[in-house]
N, C-alpha and C. Protein backbone atom coordinates (compact mmCIF):
# COMPACT_ATOMS: atom_id res chain seq x y z
N UNK A 1 42.98 122.58 83.76
CA UNK A 1 42.49 120.84 83.66
C UNK A 1 44.22 120.46 82.96
N UNK A 2 44.84 121.11 81.96
CA UNK A 2 45.76 120.70 81.57
C UNK A 2 46.86 120.43 82.55
N UNK A 3 47.12 121.51 83.52
CA UNK A 3 48.06 121.34 84.91
C UNK A 3 47.89 120.37 85.52
N UNK A 4 46.52 119.93 86.02
CA UNK A 4 45.97 118.78 86.76
C UNK A 4 46.78 117.34 86.11
N UNK A 5 46.59 117.04 84.78
CA UNK A 5 47.08 116.06 83.84
C UNK A 5 48.51 116.11 84.14
N UNK A 6 49.08 117.25 84.07
CA UNK A 6 50.91 117.10 84.04
C UNK A 6 51.33 117.02 85.52
N UNK A 7 50.64 117.20 86.78
CA UNK A 7 50.91 116.60 87.91
C UNK A 7 50.95 115.45 88.22
N UNK A 8 49.52 115.08 87.75
CA UNK A 8 49.44 113.32 87.87
C UNK A 8 50.49 112.55 86.70
N UNK A 9 50.83 113.23 85.57
CA UNK A 9 52.30 112.20 85.14
C UNK A 9 53.13 112.69 85.85
N UNK A 10 53.57 113.51 86.05
CA UNK A 10 55.00 113.97 87.31
C UNK A 10 54.53 113.00 88.57
N UNK A 11 53.58 112.95 89.21
CA UNK A 11 53.79 112.09 90.22
C UNK A 11 53.95 110.50 90.13
N UNK A 12 53.34 110.20 88.93
CA UNK A 12 53.34 108.55 88.17
C UNK A 12 54.83 108.45 87.62
N UNK A 13 55.48 109.73 87.14
CA UNK A 13 57.00 109.29 87.27
C UNK A 13 57.89 109.44 88.43
N UNK A 14 57.47 110.27 89.00
CA UNK A 14 58.17 109.64 90.61
C UNK A 14 58.27 108.53 91.03
N UNK A 15 57.03 107.71 90.88
CA UNK A 15 57.10 106.58 91.30
C UNK A 15 57.50 105.40 90.71
N UNK A 16 58.15 105.85 89.44
CA UNK A 16 58.81 105.00 88.56
C UNK A 16 60.37 104.89 88.98
N UNK A 17 60.46 105.66 89.99
CA UNK A 17 61.96 105.70 90.25
C UNK A 17 62.30 104.54 91.06
N UNK A 18 63.75 104.11 90.85
CA UNK A 18 64.01 102.57 91.39
C UNK A 18 64.23 103.28 92.58
N UNK A 19 64.93 104.38 93.39
CA UNK A 19 65.22 103.99 94.52
C UNK A 19 63.92 104.20 95.50
N UNK A 20 62.86 104.66 94.80
CA UNK A 20 61.38 104.87 95.37
C UNK A 20 60.96 103.35 95.57
N UNK A 21 60.65 102.74 94.84
CA UNK A 21 60.59 101.12 94.44
C UNK A 21 61.31 100.50 95.90
N UNK A 22 62.81 100.53 95.76
CA UNK A 22 63.45 99.98 96.81
C UNK A 22 63.48 100.32 98.01
N UNK A 23 62.76 101.64 98.33
CA UNK A 23 62.43 101.77 99.65
C UNK A 23 61.40 101.49 100.40
N UNK A 24 60.46 101.43 99.11
CA UNK A 24 58.84 101.08 99.67
C UNK A 24 58.77 99.39 99.69
N UNK A 25 59.86 98.95 98.96
CA UNK A 25 60.28 97.43 99.35
C UNK A 25 60.56 96.76 100.35
N UNK A 26 61.52 97.88 101.17
CA UNK A 26 62.44 97.94 101.95
C UNK A 26 61.44 98.18 103.49
N UNK A 27 60.63 98.84 103.59
CA UNK A 27 59.34 99.19 103.96
C UNK A 27 58.44 98.44 104.69
N UNK A 28 58.33 97.29 103.14
CA UNK A 28 56.83 96.55 103.13
C UNK A 28 57.54 95.10 104.05
N UNK A 29 58.53 94.73 103.50
CA UNK A 29 59.56 93.70 104.35
C UNK A 29 59.71 93.98 105.72
N UNK A 30 59.71 95.06 106.21
CA UNK A 30 59.94 95.42 107.53
C UNK A 30 58.61 95.05 108.16
N UNK A 31 57.43 95.82 107.79
CA UNK A 31 56.28 95.51 107.98
C UNK A 31 55.95 94.04 108.20
N UNK A 32 56.29 93.37 107.25
CA UNK A 32 55.76 91.67 107.21
C UNK A 32 56.53 91.37 108.14
N UNK A 33 57.61 91.49 108.21
CA UNK A 33 58.40 90.39 109.04
C UNK A 33 57.89 91.16 110.76
N UNK A 34 57.75 92.23 110.96
CA UNK A 34 57.45 92.77 112.21
C UNK A 34 56.19 91.80 113.12
N UNK A 35 56.36 91.76 114.29
CA UNK A 35 55.26 91.20 115.05
C UNK A 35 54.18 91.85 115.12
N UNK A 36 54.44 93.06 114.94
CA UNK A 36 53.36 94.40 115.08
C UNK A 36 52.55 94.20 113.99
N UNK A 37 52.98 93.97 112.91
CA UNK A 37 52.28 94.32 111.63
C UNK A 37 51.69 92.82 111.40
N UNK A 38 52.07 91.37 111.88
CA UNK A 38 51.40 90.32 111.54
C UNK A 38 49.90 90.41 112.56
N UNK A 39 50.27 91.14 113.77
CA UNK A 39 49.46 91.02 114.82
C UNK A 39 48.19 92.00 114.63
N UNK A 40 48.48 93.06 113.54
CA UNK A 40 47.66 94.47 113.28
C UNK A 40 46.84 93.20 112.09
N UNK A 41 47.26 92.74 111.33
CA UNK A 41 46.50 91.94 110.53
C UNK A 41 45.60 91.21 110.58
N UNK A 42 46.22 90.31 111.94
CA UNK A 42 45.31 88.98 112.30
C UNK A 42 43.98 89.62 113.15
N UNK A 43 44.59 90.86 113.91
CA UNK A 43 43.19 91.60 114.54
C UNK A 43 42.52 92.34 113.69
N UNK A 44 42.37 92.81 112.67
CA UNK A 44 41.84 93.48 111.59
C UNK A 44 41.15 92.89 110.81
N UNK A 45 41.78 91.34 110.58
CA UNK A 45 41.28 90.80 109.76
C UNK A 45 41.53 90.70 108.21
N UNK A 46 42.42 91.24 108.23
CA UNK A 46 42.96 91.97 106.77
C UNK A 46 43.89 90.90 106.14
N UNK A 47 43.87 91.10 105.00
CA UNK A 47 45.31 90.25 104.44
C UNK A 47 46.37 91.06 104.15
N UNK A 48 47.36 90.40 104.94
CA UNK A 48 48.82 91.67 104.50
C UNK A 48 49.13 91.27 103.48
N UNK A 49 50.56 91.96 103.19
CA UNK A 49 51.06 91.64 101.83
C UNK A 49 51.77 90.47 101.67
N UNK A 50 51.84 90.00 100.71
CA UNK A 50 52.25 88.68 100.56
C UNK A 50 53.66 88.15 100.49
N UNK A 51 53.92 87.32 101.47
CA UNK A 51 55.20 86.83 101.30
C UNK A 51 56.17 86.30 100.40
N UNK A 52 54.97 85.58 99.40
CA UNK A 52 55.32 84.80 98.17
C UNK A 52 55.72 86.16 97.08
N UNK A 53 55.51 87.71 97.59
CA UNK A 53 55.49 88.38 96.69
C UNK A 53 57.00 89.27 96.92
N UNK A 54 56.90 89.04 98.72
CA UNK A 54 58.34 90.19 98.96
C UNK A 54 59.45 89.09 99.19
N UNK A 55 59.14 88.29 99.32
CA UNK A 55 60.68 86.84 99.44
C UNK A 55 61.68 87.64 98.92
N UNK A 56 61.78 87.71 97.18
CA UNK A 56 62.95 87.92 96.51
C UNK A 56 63.44 89.72 96.80
N UNK A 57 62.53 90.48 97.49
CA UNK A 57 62.90 91.94 97.58
C UNK A 57 63.70 91.73 98.81
N UNK A 58 63.11 90.99 99.69
CA UNK A 58 63.72 90.99 101.33
C UNK A 58 64.99 90.14 101.02
N UNK A 59 65.40 89.15 100.01
CA UNK A 59 66.15 88.70 100.03
C UNK A 59 67.46 89.47 99.21
N UNK A 60 67.04 90.59 98.77
CA UNK A 60 68.18 91.38 98.18
C UNK A 60 68.52 92.43 98.91
N UNK A 61 67.76 92.97 100.30
CA UNK A 61 68.42 93.82 100.66
C UNK A 61 69.12 93.47 101.88
N UNK A 62 70.40 94.10 101.57
CA UNK A 62 71.54 93.82 102.70
C UNK A 62 71.40 94.47 103.50
N UNK A 63 71.48 95.92 103.52
CA UNK A 63 71.71 97.13 104.41
C UNK A 63 70.47 97.31 105.44
N UNK A 64 70.75 97.22 106.54
CA UNK A 64 69.93 97.43 107.88
C UNK A 64 68.88 98.92 107.35
N UNK A 65 67.91 98.66 107.94
CA UNK A 65 67.12 100.02 107.62
C UNK A 65 66.78 100.53 108.71
N UNK A 66 67.20 101.62 109.45
CA UNK A 66 67.61 102.20 110.46
C UNK A 66 65.35 102.38 111.00
N UNK A 67 65.52 103.23 112.07
CA UNK A 67 63.92 103.58 112.53
C UNK A 67 63.56 104.48 111.35
N UNK A 68 64.33 105.49 110.96
CA UNK A 68 63.73 106.56 109.77
C UNK A 68 64.10 106.02 108.63
N UNK A 69 63.89 104.86 108.29
CA UNK A 69 63.98 104.29 107.18
C UNK A 69 65.06 104.85 106.15
N UNK A 70 66.45 104.90 106.80
CA UNK A 70 67.61 105.38 106.20
C UNK A 70 68.17 103.52 105.81
N UNK A 71 68.22 103.84 104.33
CA UNK A 71 69.27 103.13 104.01
C UNK A 71 70.16 102.96 102.84
N UNK A 72 71.51 102.45 103.09
CA UNK A 72 72.28 102.93 101.50
C UNK A 72 72.69 101.70 100.84
N UNK A 73 72.45 101.80 99.19
CA UNK A 73 73.03 101.01 98.36
C UNK A 73 74.43 100.74 98.82
N UNK A 74 75.15 99.29 97.67
CA UNK A 74 76.30 98.61 98.07
C UNK A 74 77.30 99.56 97.71
N UNK A 75 76.86 100.75 96.75
CA UNK A 75 78.02 101.40 95.93
C UNK A 75 77.67 102.63 96.13
N UNK A 76 77.21 103.28 97.26
CA UNK A 76 76.53 104.58 97.73
C UNK A 76 78.42 105.07 98.29
N UNK A 77 78.49 106.35 98.25
CA UNK A 77 79.86 106.61 98.67
C UNK A 77 79.68 107.00 100.23
N UNK A 78 78.35 106.87 100.77
CA UNK A 78 78.16 107.48 101.84
C UNK A 78 78.30 105.87 103.01
N UNK A 79 78.82 105.02 102.41
CA UNK A 79 79.33 103.63 103.29
C UNK A 79 80.61 103.85 103.71
N UNK A 80 81.61 104.87 102.91
CA UNK A 80 83.10 104.83 103.57
C UNK A 80 82.63 104.93 104.95
N UNK A 81 82.07 105.81 105.71
CA UNK A 81 82.34 105.79 106.95
C UNK A 81 82.34 104.14 107.68
N UNK A 82 81.36 103.17 107.21
CA UNK A 82 81.46 102.13 107.39
C UNK A 82 82.62 100.94 106.95
N UNK A 83 83.68 101.09 106.45
CA UNK A 83 84.62 100.77 105.93
C UNK A 83 85.30 99.84 106.94
N UNK A 84 85.62 100.62 108.42
CA UNK A 84 86.52 100.23 109.43
C UNK A 84 85.71 99.69 110.66
N UNK A 85 84.35 99.77 110.51
CA UNK A 85 83.38 99.29 111.54
C UNK A 85 82.03 99.14 111.12
N UNK A 86 81.31 98.09 111.62
CA UNK A 86 80.21 97.74 110.84
C UNK A 86 78.92 98.80 111.45
N UNK A 87 77.85 98.91 110.91
CA UNK A 87 76.91 99.74 111.14
C UNK A 87 75.86 99.03 112.11
N UNK A 88 75.88 100.28 112.95
CA UNK A 88 75.10 99.60 114.36
C UNK A 88 73.39 100.05 114.36
N UNK A 89 72.59 99.30 114.54
CA UNK A 89 71.23 99.61 114.08
C UNK A 89 70.73 99.38 115.13
N UNK A 90 69.84 100.15 116.01
CA UNK A 90 69.20 99.79 117.26
C UNK A 90 68.00 98.82 116.90
N UNK A 91 67.86 97.76 117.30
CA UNK A 91 66.85 96.99 117.14
C UNK A 91 65.41 97.51 117.63
N UNK A 92 65.54 98.24 118.94
CA UNK A 92 64.45 98.44 119.75
C UNK A 92 63.84 99.68 119.26
N UNK A 93 63.29 99.75 118.42
CA UNK A 93 62.35 101.16 118.05
C UNK A 93 61.10 101.10 118.85
N UNK A 94 61.09 102.69 119.16
CA UNK A 94 59.84 103.15 119.81
C UNK A 94 58.48 102.83 119.57
N UNK A 95 58.13 102.53 117.91
CA UNK A 95 56.88 102.05 117.79
C UNK A 95 56.91 100.71 118.31
N UNK A 96 57.76 99.96 118.35
CA UNK A 96 57.62 98.61 118.75
C UNK A 96 57.05 98.68 120.45
N UNK A 97 57.69 99.64 120.84
CA UNK A 97 57.58 99.65 122.24
C UNK A 97 56.17 99.97 122.63
N UNK A 98 55.59 101.09 121.61
CA UNK A 98 54.32 101.78 121.89
C UNK A 98 53.35 100.77 121.68
N UNK A 99 53.65 99.76 120.46
CA UNK A 99 52.64 98.61 120.43
C UNK A 99 52.38 97.68 121.56
N UNK A 100 53.30 97.75 122.02
CA UNK A 100 53.54 97.00 123.22
C UNK A 100 52.64 97.06 124.61
N UNK A 101 52.13 98.42 124.55
CA UNK A 101 51.61 98.99 125.55
C UNK A 101 50.12 98.72 125.54
N UNK A 102 49.53 98.19 126.44
CA UNK A 102 47.98 97.67 126.24
C UNK A 102 47.21 98.92 126.04
N UNK A 103 46.02 98.84 125.17
CA UNK A 103 44.95 99.63 124.88
C UNK A 103 44.30 100.01 126.52
N UNK A 104 43.99 101.14 126.55
CA UNK A 104 43.15 101.80 127.54
C UNK A 104 42.08 101.87 127.22
N UNK A 105 40.93 100.81 128.22
CA UNK A 105 39.59 101.08 127.93
C UNK A 105 39.01 102.04 128.95
N UNK A 106 38.12 102.84 128.29
CA UNK A 106 37.17 104.10 129.10
C UNK A 106 35.58 103.46 128.96
N UNK A 107 34.57 104.10 129.40
CA UNK A 107 33.63 103.91 129.51
C UNK A 107 32.81 105.55 128.89
N UNK A 108 33.99 106.53 129.06
CA UNK A 108 33.63 107.74 128.55
C UNK A 108 33.66 108.11 126.83
N UNK A 109 32.96 108.73 126.60
CA UNK A 109 33.17 109.45 125.39
C UNK A 109 34.53 110.20 124.97
N UNK A 110 34.57 111.15 125.95
CA UNK A 110 36.35 111.25 125.44
C UNK A 110 37.31 111.58 126.66
N UNK A 111 38.38 111.03 126.40
CA UNK A 111 39.40 110.96 127.45
C UNK A 111 40.57 111.86 127.43
N UNK A 112 41.17 111.76 128.54
CA UNK A 112 42.47 112.72 128.37
C UNK A 112 43.82 112.10 128.35
N UNK A 113 44.68 112.27 127.26
CA UNK A 113 46.26 111.54 127.85
C UNK A 113 47.09 113.09 128.56
N UNK A 114 47.90 112.67 129.52
CA UNK A 114 49.25 113.43 129.77
C UNK A 114 49.90 113.07 130.00
N UNK A 115 50.52 111.87 129.17
CA UNK A 115 51.70 111.16 129.30
C UNK A 115 51.67 110.00 130.48
N UNK A 116 50.51 109.59 131.06
CA UNK A 116 50.55 108.24 131.95
C UNK A 116 51.01 109.00 133.33
N UNK A 117 51.80 107.83 133.98
CA UNK A 117 51.96 108.01 135.51
C UNK A 117 53.53 108.50 135.12
N UNK A 118 54.35 108.69 134.67
CA UNK A 118 55.36 109.41 134.53
C UNK A 118 55.21 110.55 133.24
N UNK A 119 54.60 111.44 133.48
CA UNK A 119 54.50 112.27 132.33
C UNK A 119 55.79 112.60 131.91
N UNK A 120 55.82 112.58 130.25
CA UNK A 120 57.11 113.13 129.16
C UNK A 120 56.89 114.65 129.76
N UNK A 121 58.18 115.18 129.62
CA UNK A 121 58.14 116.95 129.67
C UNK A 121 58.03 117.15 128.15
N UNK A 122 56.78 117.92 128.34
CA UNK A 122 56.22 118.63 127.41
C UNK A 122 55.39 118.36 126.75
N UNK A 123 54.45 117.31 127.35
CA UNK A 123 53.38 116.69 126.60
C UNK A 123 51.99 117.42 127.38
N UNK A 124 51.47 117.71 126.70
CA UNK A 124 50.02 118.91 127.03
C UNK A 124 48.91 117.46 127.44
N UNK A 125 48.11 118.36 128.18
CA UNK A 125 46.71 117.47 128.21
C UNK A 125 46.06 117.09 126.76
N UNK A 126 46.23 116.16 126.50
CA UNK A 126 45.05 115.81 124.73
C UNK A 126 43.84 115.37 124.91
N UNK A 127 43.03 115.76 124.59
CA UNK A 127 41.54 115.05 124.76
C UNK A 127 41.50 114.30 123.68
N UNK A 128 40.86 113.12 123.49
CA UNK A 128 40.84 112.29 122.28
C UNK A 128 38.88 111.80 122.80
N UNK A 129 38.44 111.88 121.31
CA UNK A 129 37.18 111.65 121.29
C UNK A 129 37.00 110.24 120.97
N UNK A 130 36.10 109.25 121.56
CA UNK A 130 36.28 107.99 121.39
C UNK A 130 35.10 107.55 120.87
N UNK A 131 34.17 108.35 120.01
CA UNK A 131 32.63 107.90 119.24
C UNK A 131 32.97 106.97 118.25
N UNK A 132 34.10 107.03 117.46
CA UNK A 132 34.42 106.42 116.44
C UNK A 132 34.87 105.16 117.10
N UNK A 133 34.20 103.55 116.51
CA UNK A 133 35.12 102.29 116.80
C UNK A 133 36.37 102.24 116.57
N UNK A 134 37.09 101.59 117.76
CA UNK A 134 38.42 101.03 117.39
C UNK A 134 39.09 102.06 118.41
N UNK A 135 40.51 101.48 118.37
CA UNK A 135 41.51 102.71 119.32
C UNK A 135 42.05 103.72 118.67
N UNK A 136 42.01 104.58 119.14
CA UNK A 136 42.60 105.87 119.12
C UNK A 136 43.82 106.43 119.71
N UNK A 137 44.61 106.92 119.13
CA UNK A 137 46.19 107.14 119.58
C UNK A 137 46.23 108.57 119.90
N UNK A 138 47.09 108.61 120.74
CA UNK A 138 47.43 110.25 121.53
C UNK A 138 48.60 110.57 120.37
N UNK A 139 48.78 111.66 120.01
CA UNK A 139 49.37 112.15 119.02
C UNK A 139 50.76 112.71 119.38
N UNK A 140 51.17 112.65 120.56
CA UNK A 140 52.19 112.67 121.30
C UNK A 140 53.00 111.62 121.71
N UNK A 141 52.21 110.56 122.49
CA UNK A 141 52.97 109.62 123.18
C UNK A 141 52.69 108.38 122.37
N UNK A 142 51.50 108.28 121.84
CA UNK A 142 50.98 106.95 121.14
C UNK A 142 50.04 106.28 122.14
N UNK A 143 50.10 106.61 123.36
CA UNK A 143 49.18 105.63 124.03
C UNK A 143 47.44 105.31 123.38
N UNK A 144 47.24 104.44 123.11
CA UNK A 144 45.85 103.77 122.67
C UNK A 144 44.77 103.98 123.52
N UNK A 145 43.71 104.44 123.27
CA UNK A 145 42.39 104.51 124.02
C UNK A 145 41.52 103.86 123.48
N UNK A 146 40.42 103.03 123.95
CA UNK A 146 39.33 102.50 123.13
C UNK A 146 38.14 102.74 124.30
N UNK A 147 36.76 102.84 123.59
CA UNK A 147 35.77 102.79 124.35
C UNK A 147 35.19 101.50 124.66
N UNK A 148 34.99 101.19 125.84
CA UNK A 148 34.11 99.69 126.12
C UNK A 148 32.94 100.10 125.27
N UNK A 149 32.39 98.58 124.88
CA UNK A 149 31.37 98.31 124.40
C UNK A 149 30.13 98.26 125.29
N UNK A 150 29.00 99.41 125.21
CA UNK A 150 28.10 99.13 126.44
C UNK A 150 26.55 98.96 125.57
N UNK A 151 25.88 98.08 125.73
CA UNK A 151 24.46 98.00 125.03
C UNK A 151 23.66 98.83 125.88
N UNK A 152 23.11 99.62 124.98
CA UNK A 152 22.30 100.22 125.76
C UNK A 152 20.98 99.56 125.48
N UNK A 153 19.74 99.57 125.82
CA UNK A 153 18.57 99.23 125.45
C UNK A 153 17.41 100.09 125.36
């Protein structure tokens, strides 16, 4: 019992770490500013993170965030490699491309994904249960599937 208190205290102290707060702020800014984040909030009917809260944090971010969440502070020694050239970040993240793909609707309770019309190398046939409401994504390619609403009387 005493161990669990120490673990909780240790976890709380880890969240107080300044680089972690900066990373969380950057990730929240990315979600707030992305079109997929705004669309997700509009479809789900949920209220996203307030832009008034994040505006000062987003303004403080000077380094571009990569798709892996990598960023460096101004005084970080790893910025030396960008003194003669600028840091190039590809704005076309794969998650954005997956979000643009339409949701496949099916009347079956169980569907399978094999990578689509041009199957990816190594993509196995994955069976996805659609009993629960909402869209369900393939774990390999991110293709989303949803069961059509059938009204049985």
